[in-house]
Protein backbone atom coordinates (compact mmCIF):
# COMPACT_ATOMS: atom_id res chain seq x y z
CA MET A 1 0.00 0.00 0.00
CA PRO A 2 1.46 3.40 -0.88
CA LEU A 3 2.24 5.78 1.96
CA LEU A 4 0.97 9.33 2.30
CA THR A 5 3.93 11.37 3.48
CA ASP A 6 5.16 14.87 2.82
CA GLU A 7 8.85 13.94 3.32
CA ARG A 8 9.35 17.20 5.24
CA ARG A 9 11.14 15.46 8.11
CA PRO A 10 14.09 13.50 6.71
CA ALA A 11 15.73 10.50 8.31
CA ASP A 12 18.26 11.34 10.98
CA LEU A 13 20.42 9.73 13.64
CA HIS A 14 17.39 9.12 15.89
CA ASN A 15 15.21 7.64 13.16
CA PRO A 16 17.46 6.41 10.33
CA ARG A 17 14.58 4.98 8.27
CA GLY A 18 12.68 8.26 8.32
CA TYR A 19 9.55 9.52 10.00
CA PHE A 20 6.84 8.89 7.38
CA GLU A 21 4.84 11.89 8.52
CA TYR A 22 2.19 13.98 6.79
CA GLU A 23 1.90 17.48 8.26
CA PRO A 24 -1.92 17.80 7.99
CA VAL A 25 -2.28 14.82 10.36
CA LYS A 26 -1.04 17.03 13.21
CA HIS A 27 -4.11 19.23 12.70
CA LEU A 28 -6.65 16.42 12.30
CA ALA A 29 -8.69 17.60 15.29
CA GLU A 30 -9.31 20.94 13.57
CA ASP A 31 -9.30 19.91 9.89
CA SER A 32 -10.01 16.48 8.46
CA SER A 33 -10.69 17.68 4.91
CA TRP A 34 -7.61 15.87 3.59
CA VAL A 35 -8.73 12.41 4.80
CA GLU A 36 -10.99 11.65 1.83
CA ALA A 37 -8.13 12.33 -0.61
CA ALA A 38 -5.92 9.91 1.34
CA ARG A 39 -8.07 6.89 0.40
CA GLY A 40 -6.00 3.91 -0.67
CA ARG A 41 -2.87 5.10 1.10
CA ALA A 42 -1.39 4.39 4.51
CA VAL A 43 -1.14 7.37 6.84
CA LYS A 44 0.75 7.48 10.11
CA ILE A 45 -1.53 8.87 12.84
CA ILE A 46 -0.75 8.85 16.55
CA TYR A 47 -3.36 7.13 18.70
CA ARG A 48 -4.52 10.38 20.33
CA LEU A 49 -5.80 11.67 16.98
CA LEU A 50 -7.66 8.56 15.81
CA ARG A 51 -10.89 9.74 17.44
CA HIS A 52 -10.89 12.76 15.11
CA LEU A 53 -11.15 10.69 11.93
CA PRO A 54 -14.42 11.34 10.09
CA ASN A 55 -17.09 8.75 10.89
CA ASP A 56 -18.41 8.48 7.33
CA ILE A 57 -15.30 6.74 5.98
CA GLU A 58 -14.30 3.10 6.51
CA TYR A 59 -10.75 2.57 7.78
CA ARG A 60 -8.33 -0.28 8.28
CA ILE A 61 -6.23 0.55 11.30
CA VAL A 62 -2.91 -1.09 12.08
CA PHE A 63 -2.23 -0.30 15.72
CA LEU A 64 1.51 -0.57 16.22
CA GLU A 65 2.52 -1.15 19.81
CA ARG A 66 6.05 -0.61 20.99
CA ASP A 67 7.65 -1.19 24.35
CA LEU A 68 6.86 2.02 26.26
CA VAL A 69 10.21 2.06 28.04
CA GLU A 70 11.94 1.85 24.66
CA VAL A 71 9.79 4.67 23.28
CA PHE A 72 10.41 6.85 26.33
CA GLU A 73 14.17 6.30 26.24
CA SER A 74 14.31 7.00 22.51
CA GLN A 75 12.39 10.25 22.99
CA GLN A 76 14.62 11.24 25.90
CA ASP A 77 17.75 10.65 23.80
CA MET A 78 16.37 12.81 21.03
CA LEU A 79 15.30 15.57 23.45
CA ARG A 80 18.69 15.52 25.22
CA SER A 81 20.50 15.86 21.90
CA LYS A 82 18.50 19.04 21.29
CA ASN A 83 19.02 20.32 24.86
CA ASP A 84 15.25 20.31 25.29
CA PRO A 85 14.16 20.67 28.93
CA ALA A 86 11.42 18.09 28.29
CA ALA A 87 14.22 15.50 28.54
CA LEU A 88 13.99 15.95 32.32
CA GLN A 89 10.45 14.59 32.60
CA ASP A 90 9.76 11.99 35.28
CA ARG A 91 10.01 8.57 33.64
CA GLU A 92 7.55 6.69 35.88
CA ARG A 93 4.89 9.42 35.70
CA ILE A 94 5.09 9.56 31.90
CA LEU A 95 5.08 5.76 31.46
CA SER A 96 2.12 5.40 33.81
CA ALA A 97 0.12 8.06 31.97
CA LEU A 98 0.94 6.53 28.58
CA SER A 99 -0.15 3.09 29.75
CA VAL A 100 -3.53 4.42 30.85
CA GLU A 101 -4.01 6.35 27.59
CA LEU A 102 -3.17 3.34 25.44
CA VAL A 103 -5.67 1.13 27.23
CA LYS A 104 -8.37 3.75 26.56
CA ALA A 105 -7.30 4.17 22.93
CA LYS A 106 -7.74 0.45 22.23
CA GLN A 107 -11.32 0.39 23.58
């Protein structure tokens, strides 16, 4: 299946295979007008935005689950490399909150 990506965020040290992102996805909660034109293509959408997909379209969703500790550590490495203060977030608090959110997202 072809991917819908804008190739605006190139591969880098933290994600050597690329990010496969499509900028309008980030604004799905406010504007879903692009979704119809995406038919027949795979689009990467984070779980928090799935609820904003239009109800009048049928979807096939592949829910990719990764080890949350691995995701957290990867994000922390990336944030530290950019000297982002978010790299100092409390690991257990973040992992606990993510676990709860993911359970809700799968319901």
